[in-house]
ModelCIF file with pLDDT and N, C-alpha, C, O atoms, coordinates in Angstrom:
data_MODEL
#
_entry.id   MODEL 
#
_entity.id                         1 
_entity.type                       polymer 
_entity.pdbx_number_of_molecules   1 
#
_entity_poly.entity_id                      1 
_entity_poly.type                           'polypeptide(L)' 
_entity_poly.nstd_linkage                   no 
_entity_poly.nstd_monomer                   no 
_entity_poly.pdbx_seq_one_letter_code       QPDKAMTRADIAARGIVSIDDDIKQDGAARFMFAWSRDYLLYHGTLD 
_entity_poly.pdbx_seq_one_letter_code_can   QPDKAMTRADIAARGIVSIDDDIKQDGAARFMFAWSRDYLLYHGTLD 
_entity_poly.pdbx_strand_id                 A 
#
loop_
_entity_poly_seq.entity_id 
_entity_poly_seq.num 
_entity_poly_seq.mon_id 
_entity_poly_seq.hetero 
1 1  GLN n 
1 2  PRO n 
1 3  ASP n 
1 4  LYS n 
1 5  ALA n 
1 6  MET n 
1 7  THR n 
1 8  ARG n 
1 9  ALA n 
1 10 ASP n 
1 11 ILE n 
1 12 ALA n 
1 13 ALA n 
1 14 ARG n 
1 15 GLY n 
1 16 ILE n 
1 17 VAL n 
1 18 SER n 
1 19 ILE n 
1 20 ASP n 
1 21 ASP n 
1 22 ASP n 
1 23 ILE n 
1 24 LYS n 
1 25 GLN n 
1 26 ASP n 
1 27 GLY n 
1 28 ALA n 
1 29 ALA n 
1 30 ARG n 
1 31 PHE n 
1 32 MET n 
1 33 PHE n 
1 34 ALA n 
1 35 TRP n 
1 36 SER n 
1 37 ARG n 
1 38 ASP n 
1 39 TYR n 
1 40 LEU n 
1 41 LEU n 
1 42 TYR n 
1 43 HIS n 
1 44 GLY n 
1 45 THR n 
1 46 LEU n 
1 47 ASP n 
#
_struct_asym.id          A 
_struct_asym.entity_id   1 
#
loop_
_ma_qa_metric.id 
_ma_qa_metric.mode 
_ma_qa_metric.name 
_ma_qa_metric.software_group_id 
_ma_qa_metric.type 
1 global pLDDT . pLDDT 
2 local  pLDDT . pLDDT 
#
_ma_qa_metric_global.metric_id      1 
_ma_qa_metric_global.metric_value   95.64 
_ma_qa_metric_global.model_id       1 
_ma_qa_metric_global.ordinal_id     1 
#
loop_
_ma_qa_metric_local.label_asym_id 
_ma_qa_metric_local.label_comp_id 
_ma_qa_metric_local.label_seq_id 
_ma_qa_metric_local.metric_id 
_ma_qa_metric_local.metric_value 
_ma_qa_metric_local.model_id 
_ma_qa_metric_local.ordinal_id 
A GLN 1  2 95.00 1 1  
A PRO 2  2 95.00 1 2  
A ASP 3  2 94.00 1 3  
A LYS 4  2 94.00 1 4  
A ALA 5  2 96.00 1 5  
A MET 6  2 96.00 1 6  
A THR 7  2 97.00 1 7  
A ARG 8  2 96.00 1 8  
A ALA 9  2 96.00 1 9  
A ASP 10 2 96.00 1 10 
A ILE 11 2 97.00 1 11 
A ALA 12 2 96.00 1 12 
A ALA 13 2 96.00 1 13 
A ARG 14 2 96.00 1 14 
A GLY 15 2 97.00 1 15 
A ILE 16 2 98.00 1 16 
A VAL 17 2 98.00 1 17 
A SER 18 2 97.00 1 18 
A ILE 19 2 97.00 1 19 
A ASP 20 2 95.00 1 20 
A ASP 21 2 94.00 1 21 
A ASP 22 2 93.00 1 22 
A ILE 23 2 94.00 1 23 
A LYS 24 2 93.00 1 24 
A GLN 25 2 92.00 1 25 
A ASP 26 2 94.00 1 26 
A GLY 27 2 95.00 1 27 
A ALA 28 2 96.00 1 28 
A ALA 29 2 97.00 1 29 
A ARG 30 2 97.00 1 30 
A PHE 31 2 97.00 1 31 
A MET 32 2 97.00 1 32 
A PHE 33 2 98.00 1 33 
A ALA 34 2 98.00 1 34 
A TRP 35 2 98.00 1 35 
A SER 36 2 97.00 1 36 
A ARG 37 2 97.00 1 37 
A ASP 38 2 97.00 1 38 
A TYR 39 2 98.00 1 39 
A LEU 40 2 98.00 1 40 
A LEU 41 2 98.00 1 41 
A TYR 42 2 97.00 1 42 
A HIS 43 2 91.00 1 43 
A GLY 44 2 85.00 1 44 
A THR 45 2 90.00 1 45 
A LEU 46 2 96.00 1 46 
A ASP 47 2 96.00 1 47 
#
loop_
_atom_site.group_PDB 
_atom_site.id 
_atom_site.type_symbol 
_atom_site.label_atom_id 
_atom_site.label_alt_id 
_atom_site.label_comp_id 
_atom_site.label_asym_id 
_atom_site.label_entity_id 
_atom_site.label_seq_id 
_atom_site.pdbx_PDB_ins_code 
_atom_site.Cartn_x 
_atom_site.Cartn_y 
_atom_site.Cartn_z 
_atom_site.occupancy 
_atom_site.B_iso_or_equiv 
_atom_site.pdbx_formal_charge 
_atom_site.auth_seq_id 
_atom_site.auth_comp_id 
_atom_site.auth_asym_id 
_atom_site.auth_atom_id 
_atom_site.pdbx_PDB_model_num 
ATOM 1   N N  . GLN A 1 1  ? -8.939  4.153   -4.134  1.00 95.00 ? 1  GLN A N  1 
ATOM 2   C CA . GLN A 1 1  ? -8.994  4.770   -2.867  1.00 95.00 ? 1  GLN A CA 1 
ATOM 3   C C  . GLN A 1 1  ? -10.056 4.030   -1.963  1.00 95.00 ? 1  GLN A C  1 
ATOM 4   O O  . GLN A 1 1  ? -11.138 3.747   -2.479  1.00 95.00 ? 1  GLN A O  1 
ATOM 5   N N  . PRO A 1 2  ? -9.830  3.721   -0.729  1.00 95.00 ? 2  PRO A N  1 
ATOM 6   C CA . PRO A 1 2  ? -10.783 3.115   0.224   1.00 95.00 ? 2  PRO A CA 1 
ATOM 7   C C  . PRO A 1 2  ? -12.068 3.954   0.228   1.00 95.00 ? 2  PRO A C  1 
ATOM 8   O O  . PRO A 1 2  ? -12.022 5.151   -0.058  1.00 95.00 ? 2  PRO A O  1 
ATOM 9   N N  . ASP A 1 3  ? -13.155 3.367   0.535   1.00 94.00 ? 3  ASP A N  1 
ATOM 10  C CA . ASP A 1 3  ? -14.433 4.079   0.419   1.00 94.00 ? 3  ASP A CA 1 
ATOM 11  C C  . ASP A 1 3  ? -14.753 4.907   1.702   1.00 94.00 ? 3  ASP A C  1 
ATOM 12  O O  . ASP A 1 3  ? -15.759 5.615   1.751   1.00 94.00 ? 3  ASP A O  1 
ATOM 13  N N  . LYS A 1 4  ? -13.880 4.802   2.732   1.00 94.00 ? 4  LYS A N  1 
ATOM 14  C CA . LYS A 1 4  ? -14.134 5.603   3.957   1.00 94.00 ? 4  LYS A CA 1 
ATOM 15  C C  . LYS A 1 4  ? -12.807 5.752   4.702   1.00 94.00 ? 4  LYS A C  1 
ATOM 16  O O  . LYS A 1 4  ? -11.830 5.070   4.392   1.00 94.00 ? 4  LYS A O  1 
ATOM 17  N N  . ALA A 1 5  ? -12.785 6.630   5.662   1.00 96.00 ? 5  ALA A N  1 
ATOM 18  C CA . ALA A 1 5  ? -11.630 6.853   6.525   1.00 96.00 ? 5  ALA A CA 1 
ATOM 19  C C  . ALA A 1 5  ? -11.368 5.578   7.331   1.00 96.00 ? 5  ALA A C  1 
ATOM 20  O O  . ALA A 1 5  ? -12.260 4.777   7.608   1.00 96.00 ? 5  ALA A O  1 
ATOM 21  N N  . MET A 1 6  ? -9.984  5.432   7.719   1.00 96.00 ? 6  MET A N  1 
ATOM 22  C CA . MET A 1 6  ? -9.648  4.252   8.395   1.00 96.00 ? 6  MET A CA 1 
ATOM 23  C C  . MET A 1 6  ? -8.951  4.561   9.724   1.00 96.00 ? 6  MET A C  1 
ATOM 24  O O  . MET A 1 6  ? -8.149  5.492   9.787   1.00 96.00 ? 6  MET A O  1 
ATOM 25  N N  . THR A 1 7  ? -9.233  3.817   10.763  1.00 97.00 ? 7  THR A N  1 
ATOM 26  C CA . THR A 1 7  ? -8.634  4.075   12.068  1.00 97.00 ? 7  THR A CA 1 
ATOM 27  C C  . THR A 1 7  ? -7.260  3.448   12.100  1.00 97.00 ? 7  THR A C  1 
ATOM 28  O O  . THR A 1 7  ? -6.853  2.694   11.216  1.00 97.00 ? 7  THR A O  1 
ATOM 29  N N  . ARG A 1 8  ? -6.545  3.814   13.205  1.00 96.00 ? 8  ARG A N  1 
ATOM 30  C CA . ARG A 1 8  ? -5.203  3.306   13.342  1.00 96.00 ? 8  ARG A CA 1 
ATOM 31  C C  . ARG A 1 8  ? -5.221  1.772   13.520  1.00 96.00 ? 8  ARG A C  1 
ATOM 32  O O  . ARG A 1 8  ? -4.347  1.059   13.025  1.00 96.00 ? 8  ARG A O  1 
ATOM 33  N N  . ALA A 1 9  ? -6.283  1.281   14.268  1.00 96.00 ? 9  ALA A N  1 
ATOM 34  C CA . ALA A 1 9  ? -6.329  -0.155  14.500  1.00 96.00 ? 9  ALA A CA 1 
ATOM 35  C C  . ALA A 1 9  ? -6.615  -0.930  13.223  1.00 96.00 ? 9  ALA A C  1 
ATOM 36  O O  . ALA A 1 9  ? -6.062  -2.004  12.987  1.00 96.00 ? 9  ALA A O  1 
ATOM 37  N N  . ASP A 1 10 ? -7.506  -0.349  12.395  1.00 96.00 ? 10 ASP A N  1 
ATOM 38  C CA . ASP A 1 10 ? -7.752  -0.955  11.048  1.00 96.00 ? 10 ASP A CA 1 
ATOM 39  C C  . ASP A 1 10 ? -6.469  -1.028  10.220  1.00 96.00 ? 10 ASP A C  1 
ATOM 40  O O  . ASP A 1 10 ? -6.190  -2.071  9.629   1.00 96.00 ? 10 ASP A O  1 
ATOM 41  N N  . ILE A 1 11 ? -5.710  0.009   10.161  1.00 97.00 ? 11 ILE A N  1 
ATOM 42  C CA . ILE A 1 11 ? -4.528  0.111   9.304   1.00 97.00 ? 11 ILE A CA 1 
ATOM 43  C C  . ILE A 1 11 ? -3.474  -0.792  9.822   1.00 97.00 ? 11 ILE A C  1 
ATOM 44  O O  . ILE A 1 11 ? -2.853  -1.490  9.022   1.00 97.00 ? 11 ILE A O  1 
ATOM 45  N N  . ALA A 1 12 ? -3.201  -0.843  11.174  1.00 96.00 ? 12 ALA A N  1 
ATOM 46  C CA . ALA A 1 12 ? -2.231  -1.750  11.750  1.00 96.00 ? 12 ALA A CA 1 
ATOM 47  C C  . ALA A 1 12 ? -2.566  -3.185  11.508  1.00 96.00 ? 12 ALA A C  1 
ATOM 48  O O  . ALA A 1 12 ? -1.700  -3.997  11.184  1.00 96.00 ? 12 ALA A O  1 
ATOM 49  N N  . ALA A 1 13 ? -3.833  -3.498  11.667  1.00 96.00 ? 13 ALA A N  1 
ATOM 50  C CA . ALA A 1 13 ? -4.198  -4.910  11.442  1.00 96.00 ? 13 ALA A CA 1 
ATOM 51  C C  . ALA A 1 13 ? -4.024  -5.390  10.012  1.00 96.00 ? 13 ALA A C  1 
ATOM 52  O O  . ALA A 1 13 ? -3.725  -6.561  9.776   1.00 96.00 ? 13 ALA A O  1 
ATOM 53  N N  . ARG A 1 14 ? -4.214  -4.476  9.046   1.00 96.00 ? 14 ARG A N  1 
ATOM 54  C CA . ARG A 1 14 ? -4.144  -4.870  7.669   1.00 96.00 ? 14 ARG A CA 1 
ATOM 55  C C  . ARG A 1 14 ? -2.732  -4.763  7.168   1.00 96.00 ? 14 ARG A C  1 
ATOM 56  O O  . ARG A 1 14 ? -2.307  -5.566  6.338   1.00 96.00 ? 14 ARG A O  1 
ATOM 57  N N  . GLY A 1 15 ? -1.987  -3.777  7.657   1.00 97.00 ? 15 GLY A N  1 
ATOM 58  C CA . GLY A 1 15 ? -0.688  -3.508  7.188   1.00 97.00 ? 15 GLY A CA 1 
ATOM 59  C C  . GLY A 1 15 ? -0.637  -2.449  6.070   1.00 97.00 ? 15 GLY A C  1 
ATOM 60  O O  . GLY A 1 15 ? -1.505  -2.420  5.199   1.00 97.00 ? 15 GLY A O  1 
ATOM 61  N N  . ILE A 1 16 ? 0.379   -1.590  6.104   1.00 98.00 ? 16 ILE A N  1 
ATOM 62  C CA . ILE A 1 16 ? 0.479   -0.528  5.088   1.00 98.00 ? 16 ILE A CA 1 
ATOM 63  C C  . ILE A 1 16 ? 1.944   -0.459  4.650   1.00 98.00 ? 16 ILE A C  1 
ATOM 64  O O  . ILE A 1 16 ? 2.866   -0.570  5.459   1.00 98.00 ? 16 ILE A O  1 
ATOM 65  N N  . VAL A 1 17 ? 2.121   -0.273  3.348   1.00 98.00 ? 17 VAL A N  1 
ATOM 66  C CA . VAL A 1 17 ? 3.496   -0.171  2.748   1.00 98.00 ? 17 VAL A CA 1 
ATOM 67  C C  . VAL A 1 17 ? 3.558   0.960   1.766   1.00 98.00 ? 17 VAL A C  1 
ATOM 68  O O  . VAL A 1 17 ? 2.533   1.449   1.289   1.00 98.00 ? 17 VAL A O  1 
ATOM 69  N N  . SER A 1 18 ? 4.771   1.376   1.464   1.00 97.00 ? 18 SER A N  1 
ATOM 70  C CA . SER A 1 18 ? 5.020   2.270   0.362   1.00 97.00 ? 18 SER A CA 1 
ATOM 71  C C  . SER A 1 18 ? 5.897   1.659   -0.604  1.00 97.00 ? 18 SER A C  1 
ATOM 72  O O  . SER A 1 18 ? 6.814   0.910   -0.268  1.00 97.00 ? 18 SER A O  1 
ATOM 73  N N  . ILE A 1 19 ? 5.613   1.989   -1.901  1.00 97.00 ? 19 ILE A N  1 
ATOM 74  C CA . ILE A 1 19 ? 6.339   1.415   -3.004  1.00 97.00 ? 19 ILE A CA 1 
ATOM 75  C C  . ILE A 1 19 ? 6.610   2.488   -4.001  1.00 97.00 ? 19 ILE A C  1 
ATOM 76  O O  . ILE A 1 19 ? 5.691   3.154   -4.480  1.00 97.00 ? 19 ILE A O  1 
ATOM 77  N N  . ASP A 1 20 ? 7.940   2.676   -4.341  1.00 95.00 ? 20 ASP A N  1 
ATOM 78  C CA . ASP A 1 20 ? 8.340   3.691   -5.260  1.00 95.00 ? 20 ASP A CA 1 
ATOM 79  C C  . ASP A 1 20 ? 8.643   3.180   -6.636  1.00 95.00 ? 20 ASP A C  1 
ATOM 80  O O  . ASP A 1 20 ? 9.109   3.943   -7.482  1.00 95.00 ? 20 ASP A O  1 
ATOM 81  N N  . ASP A 1 21 ? 8.401   1.930   -6.890  1.00 94.00 ? 21 ASP A N  1 
ATOM 82  C CA . ASP A 1 21 ? 8.751   1.371   -8.188  1.00 94.00 ? 21 ASP A CA 1 
ATOM 83  C C  . ASP A 1 21 ? 7.886   1.907   -9.401  1.00 94.00 ? 21 ASP A C  1 
ATOM 84  O O  . ASP A 1 21 ? 6.677   2.110   -9.286  1.00 94.00 ? 21 ASP A O  1 
ATOM 85  N N  . ASP A 1 22 ? 8.549   2.108   -10.504 1.00 93.00 ? 22 ASP A N  1 
ATOM 86  C CA . ASP A 1 22 ? 7.902   2.250   -11.829 1.00 93.00 ? 22 ASP A CA 1 
ATOM 87  C C  . ASP A 1 22 ? 7.875   0.845   -12.424 1.00 93.00 ? 22 ASP A C  1 
ATOM 88  O O  . ASP A 1 22 ? 8.916   0.264   -12.728 1.00 93.00 ? 22 ASP A O  1 
ATOM 89  N N  . ILE A 1 23 ? 6.682   0.319   -12.581 1.00 94.00 ? 23 ILE A N  1 
ATOM 90  C CA . ILE A 1 23 ? 6.535   -1.135  -12.880 1.00 94.00 ? 23 ILE A CA 1 
ATOM 91  C C  . ILE A 1 23 ? 7.253   -1.412  -14.259 1.00 94.00 ? 23 ILE A C  1 
ATOM 92  O O  . ILE A 1 23 ? 7.897   -2.449  -14.421 1.00 94.00 ? 23 ILE A O  1 
ATOM 93  N N  . LYS A 1 24 ? 7.138   -0.549  -15.155 1.00 93.00 ? 24 LYS A N  1 
ATOM 94  C CA . LYS A 1 24 ? 7.794   -0.745  -16.513 1.00 93.00 ? 24 LYS A CA 1 
ATOM 95  C C  . LYS A 1 24 ? 9.226   -0.779  -16.380 1.00 93.00 ? 24 LYS A C  1 
ATOM 96  O O  . LYS A 1 24 ? 9.855   -1.553  -17.102 1.00 93.00 ? 24 LYS A O  1 
ATOM 97  N N  . GLN A 1 25 ? 9.847   -0.021  -15.527 1.00 92.00 ? 25 GLN A N  1 
ATOM 98  C CA . GLN A 1 25 ? 11.379  -0.023  -15.320 1.00 92.00 ? 25 GLN A CA 1 
ATOM 99  C C  . GLN A 1 25 ? 11.788  -1.025  -14.299 1.00 92.00 ? 25 GLN A C  1 
ATOM 100 O O  . GLN A 1 25 ? 12.739  -1.779  -14.503 1.00 92.00 ? 25 GLN A O  1 
ATOM 101 N N  . ASP A 1 26 ? 11.063  -1.047  -13.166 1.00 94.00 ? 26 ASP A N  1 
ATOM 102 C CA . ASP A 1 26 ? 11.580  -1.762  -12.004 1.00 94.00 ? 26 ASP A CA 1 
ATOM 103 C C  . ASP A 1 26 ? 10.887  -3.118  -11.842 1.00 94.00 ? 26 ASP A C  1 
ATOM 104 O O  . ASP A 1 26 ? 11.293  -3.893  -10.977 1.00 94.00 ? 26 ASP A O  1 
ATOM 105 N N  . GLY A 1 27 ? 9.948   -3.411  -12.567 1.00 95.00 ? 27 GLY A N  1 
ATOM 106 C CA . GLY A 1 27 ? 9.245   -4.701  -12.414 1.00 95.00 ? 27 GLY A CA 1 
ATOM 107 C C  . GLY A 1 27 ? 8.084   -4.464  -11.406 1.00 95.00 ? 27 GLY A C  1 
ATOM 108 O O  . GLY A 1 27 ? 7.940   -3.417  -10.775 1.00 95.00 ? 27 GLY A O  1 
ATOM 109 N N  . ALA A 1 28 ? 7.248   -5.581  -11.323 1.00 96.00 ? 28 ALA A N  1 
ATOM 110 C CA . ALA A 1 28 ? 6.074   -5.505  -10.483 1.00 96.00 ? 28 ALA A CA 1 
ATOM 111 C C  . ALA A 1 28 ? 6.098   -6.336  -9.175  1.00 96.00 ? 28 ALA A C  1 
ATOM 112 O O  . ALA A 1 28 ? 5.080   -6.503  -8.503  1.00 96.00 ? 28 ALA A O  1 
ATOM 113 N N  . ALA A 1 29 ? 7.286   -6.840  -8.851  1.00 97.00 ? 29 ALA A N  1 
ATOM 114 C CA . ALA A 1 29 ? 7.455   -7.778  -7.772  1.00 97.00 ? 29 ALA A CA 1 
ATOM 115 C C  . ALA A 1 29 ? 6.949   -7.272  -6.452  1.00 97.00 ? 29 ALA A C  1 
ATOM 116 O O  . ALA A 1 29 ? 6.276   -7.978  -5.702  1.00 97.00 ? 29 ALA A O  1 
ATOM 117 N N  . ARG A 1 30 ? 7.297   -6.003  -6.179  1.00 97.00 ? 30 ARG A N  1 
ATOM 118 C CA . ARG A 1 30 ? 6.913   -5.425  -4.883  1.00 97.00 ? 30 ARG A CA 1 
ATOM 119 C C  . ARG A 1 30 ? 5.387   -5.213  -4.818  1.00 97.00 ? 30 ARG A C  1 
ATOM 120 O O  . ARG A 1 30 ? 4.765   -5.390  -3.771  1.00 97.00 ? 30 ARG A O  1 
ATOM 121 N N  . PHE A 1 31 ? 4.811   -4.834  -5.953  1.00 97.00 ? 31 PHE A N  1 
ATOM 122 C CA . PHE A 1 31 ? 3.335   -4.649  -5.984  1.00 97.00 ? 31 PHE A CA 1 
ATOM 123 C C  . PHE A 1 31 ? 2.675   -6.032  -5.890  1.00 97.00 ? 31 PHE A C  1 
ATOM 124 O O  . PHE A 1 31 ? 1.637   -6.153  -5.240  1.00 97.00 ? 31 PHE A O  1 
ATOM 125 N N  . MET A 1 32 ? 3.236   -7.075  -6.510  1.00 97.00 ? 32 MET A N  1 
ATOM 126 C CA . MET A 1 32 ? 2.668   -8.408  -6.421  1.00 97.00 ? 32 MET A CA 1 
ATOM 127 C C  . MET A 1 32 ? 2.805   -8.960  -4.969  1.00 97.00 ? 32 MET A C  1 
ATOM 128 O O  . MET A 1 32 ? 1.945   -9.691  -4.479  1.00 97.00 ? 32 MET A O  1 
ATOM 129 N N  . PHE A 1 33 ? 3.868   -8.593  -4.345  1.00 98.00 ? 33 PHE A N  1 
ATOM 130 C CA . PHE A 1 33 ? 3.983   -8.949  -2.916  1.00 98.00 ? 33 PHE A CA 1 
ATOM 131 C C  . PHE A 1 33 ? 2.849   -8.313  -2.034  1.00 98.00 ? 33 PHE A C  1 
ATOM 132 O O  . PHE A 1 33 ? 2.174   -8.985  -1.254  1.00 98.00 ? 33 PHE A O  1 
ATOM 133 N N  . ALA A 1 34 ? 2.697   -6.975  -2.221  1.00 98.00 ? 34 ALA A N  1 
ATOM 134 C CA . ALA A 1 34 ? 1.680   -6.231  -1.477  1.00 98.00 ? 34 ALA A CA 1 
ATOM 135 C C  . ALA A 1 34 ? 0.306   -6.714  -1.793  1.00 98.00 ? 34 ALA A C  1 
ATOM 136 O O  . ALA A 1 34 ? -0.520  -6.834  -0.889  1.00 98.00 ? 34 ALA A O  1 
ATOM 137 N N  . TRP A 1 35 ? 0.018   -6.999  -3.048  1.00 98.00 ? 35 TRP A N  1 
ATOM 138 C CA . TRP A 1 35 ? -1.325  -7.501  -3.469  1.00 98.00 ? 35 TRP A CA 1 
ATOM 139 C C  . TRP A 1 35 ? -1.592  -8.852  -2.818  1.00 98.00 ? 35 TRP A C  1 
ATOM 140 O O  . TRP A 1 35 ? -2.696  -9.102  -2.334  1.00 98.00 ? 35 TRP A O  1 
ATOM 141 N N  . SER A 1 36 ? -0.569  -9.738  -2.804  1.00 97.00 ? 36 SER A N  1 
ATOM 142 C CA . SER A 1 36 ? -0.726  -11.038 -2.258  1.00 97.00 ? 36 SER A CA 1 
ATOM 143 C C  . SER A 1 36 ? -1.032  -10.981 -0.741  1.00 97.00 ? 36 SER A C  1 
ATOM 144 O O  . SER A 1 36 ? -1.754  -11.831 -0.218  1.00 97.00 ? 36 SER A O  1 
ATOM 145 N N  . ARG A 1 37 ? -0.485  -9.990  -0.062  1.00 97.00 ? 37 ARG A N  1 
ATOM 146 C CA . ARG A 1 37 ? -0.707  -9.773  1.387   1.00 97.00 ? 37 ARG A CA 1 
ATOM 147 C C  . ARG A 1 37 ? -1.885  -8.885  1.705   1.00 97.00 ? 37 ARG A C  1 
ATOM 148 O O  . ARG A 1 37 ? -2.267  -8.718  2.863   1.00 97.00 ? 37 ARG A O  1 
ATOM 149 N N  . ASP A 1 38 ? -2.455  -8.318  0.660   1.00 97.00 ? 38 ASP A N  1 
ATOM 150 C CA . ASP A 1 38 ? -3.612  -7.396  0.831   1.00 97.00 ? 38 ASP A CA 1 
ATOM 151 C C  . ASP A 1 38 ? -3.173  -6.159  1.677   1.00 97.00 ? 38 ASP A C  1 
ATOM 152 O O  . ASP A 1 38 ? -3.937  -5.682  2.515   1.00 97.00 ? 38 ASP A O  1 
ATOM 153 N N  . TYR A 1 39 ? -2.051  -5.698  1.466   1.00 98.00 ? 39 TYR A N  1 
ATOM 154 C CA . TYR A 1 39 ? -1.606  -4.505  2.184   1.00 98.00 ? 39 TYR A CA 1 
ATOM 155 C C  . TYR A 1 39 ? -2.157  -3.315  1.573   1.00 98.00 ? 39 TYR A C  1 
ATOM 156 O O  . TYR A 1 39 ? -2.429  -3.293  0.373   1.00 98.00 ? 39 TYR A O  1 
ATOM 157 N N  . LEU A 1 40 ? -2.354  -2.221  2.419   1.00 98.00 ? 40 LEU A N  1 
ATOM 158 C CA . LEU A 1 40 ? -2.701  -0.955  1.939   1.00 98.00 ? 40 LEU A CA 1 
ATOM 159 C C  . LEU A 1 40 ? -1.418  -0.301  1.405   1.00 98.00 ? 40 LEU A C  1 
ATOM 160 O O  . LEU A 1 40 ? -0.305  -0.646  1.801   1.00 98.00 ? 40 LEU A O  1 
ATOM 161 N N  . LEU A 1 41 ? -1.622  0.649   0.497   1.00 98.00 ? 41 LEU A N  1 
ATOM 162 C CA . LEU A 1 41 ? -0.505  1.487   -0.069  1.00 98.00 ? 41 LEU A CA 1 
ATOM 163 C C  . LEU A 1 41 ? -0.648  2.833   0.512   1.00 98.00 ? 41 LEU A C  1 
ATOM 164 O O  . LEU A 1 41 ? -1.750  3.381   0.521   1.00 98.00 ? 41 LEU A O  1 
ATOM 165 N N  . TYR A 1 42 ? 0.451   3.423   1.019   1.00 97.00 ? 42 TYR A N  1 
ATOM 166 C CA . TYR A 1 42 ? 0.472   4.784   1.433   1.00 97.00 ? 42 TYR A CA 1 
ATOM 167 C C  . TYR A 1 42 ? 0.639   5.719   0.225   1.00 97.00 ? 42 TYR A C  1 
ATOM 168 O O  . TYR A 1 42 ? 1.542   5.524   -0.589  1.00 97.00 ? 42 TYR A O  1 
ATOM 169 N N  . HIS A 1 43 ? -0.211  6.712   0.111   1.00 91.00 ? 43 HIS A N  1 
ATOM 170 C CA . HIS A 1 43 ? -0.224  7.593   -1.058  1.00 91.00 ? 43 HIS A CA 1 
ATOM 171 C C  . HIS A 1 43 ? 0.713   8.703   -0.922  1.00 91.00 ? 43 HIS A C  1 
ATOM 172 O O  . HIS A 1 43 ? 0.878   9.456   -1.882  1.00 91.00 ? 43 HIS A O  1 
ATOM 173 N N  . GLY A 1 44 ? 1.378   8.891   0.232   1.00 85.00 ? 44 GLY A N  1 
ATOM 174 C CA . GLY A 1 44 ? 2.458   9.812   0.478   1.00 85.00 ? 44 GLY A CA 1 
ATOM 175 C C  . GLY A 1 44 ? 2.038   11.286  0.522   1.00 85.00 ? 44 GLY A C  1 
ATOM 176 O O  . GLY A 1 44 ? 2.767   12.113  -0.026  1.00 85.00 ? 44 GLY A O  1 
ATOM 177 N N  . THR A 1 45 ? 0.893   11.674  1.148   1.00 90.00 ? 45 THR A N  1 
ATOM 178 C CA . THR A 1 45 ? 0.433   13.016  1.069   1.00 90.00 ? 45 THR A CA 1 
ATOM 179 C C  . THR A 1 45 ? 0.234   13.720  2.395   1.00 90.00 ? 45 THR A C  1 
ATOM 180 O O  . THR A 1 45 ? -0.063  14.914  2.417   1.00 90.00 ? 45 THR A O  1 
ATOM 181 N N  . LEU A 1 46 ? 0.393   12.991  3.527   1.00 96.00 ? 46 LEU A N  1 
ATOM 182 C CA . LEU A 1 46 ? 0.144   13.561  4.816   1.00 96.00 ? 46 LEU A CA 1 
ATOM 183 C C  . LEU A 1 46 ? 1.371   14.328  5.307   1.00 96.00 ? 46 LEU A C  1 
ATOM 184 O O  . LEU A 1 46 ? 2.481   14.178  4.796   1.00 96.00 ? 46 LEU A O  1 
ATOM 185 N N  . ASP A 1 47 ? 1.119   15.159  6.327   1.00 96.00 ? 47 ASP A N  1 
ATOM 186 C CA . ASP A 1 47 ? 2.260   15.913  6.903   1.00 96.00 ? 47 ASP A CA 1 
ATOM 187 C C  . ASP A 1 47 ? 3.288   15.040  7.437   1.00 96.00 ? 47 ASP A C  1 
ATOM 188 O O  . ASP A 1 47 ? 4.299   15.519  7.950   1.00 96.00 ? 47 ASP A O  1 
#
């Protein structure tokens, strides 16, 4: 988890993605892609 709240500008500049893969079943390619780009992951909990 990030160590502080993030503004819209910060998130837009960095990029944010959602990934539904189970690495063991679906592989890690999408996570490797996001890691290489330093994207944020959306945890899927907001309204």
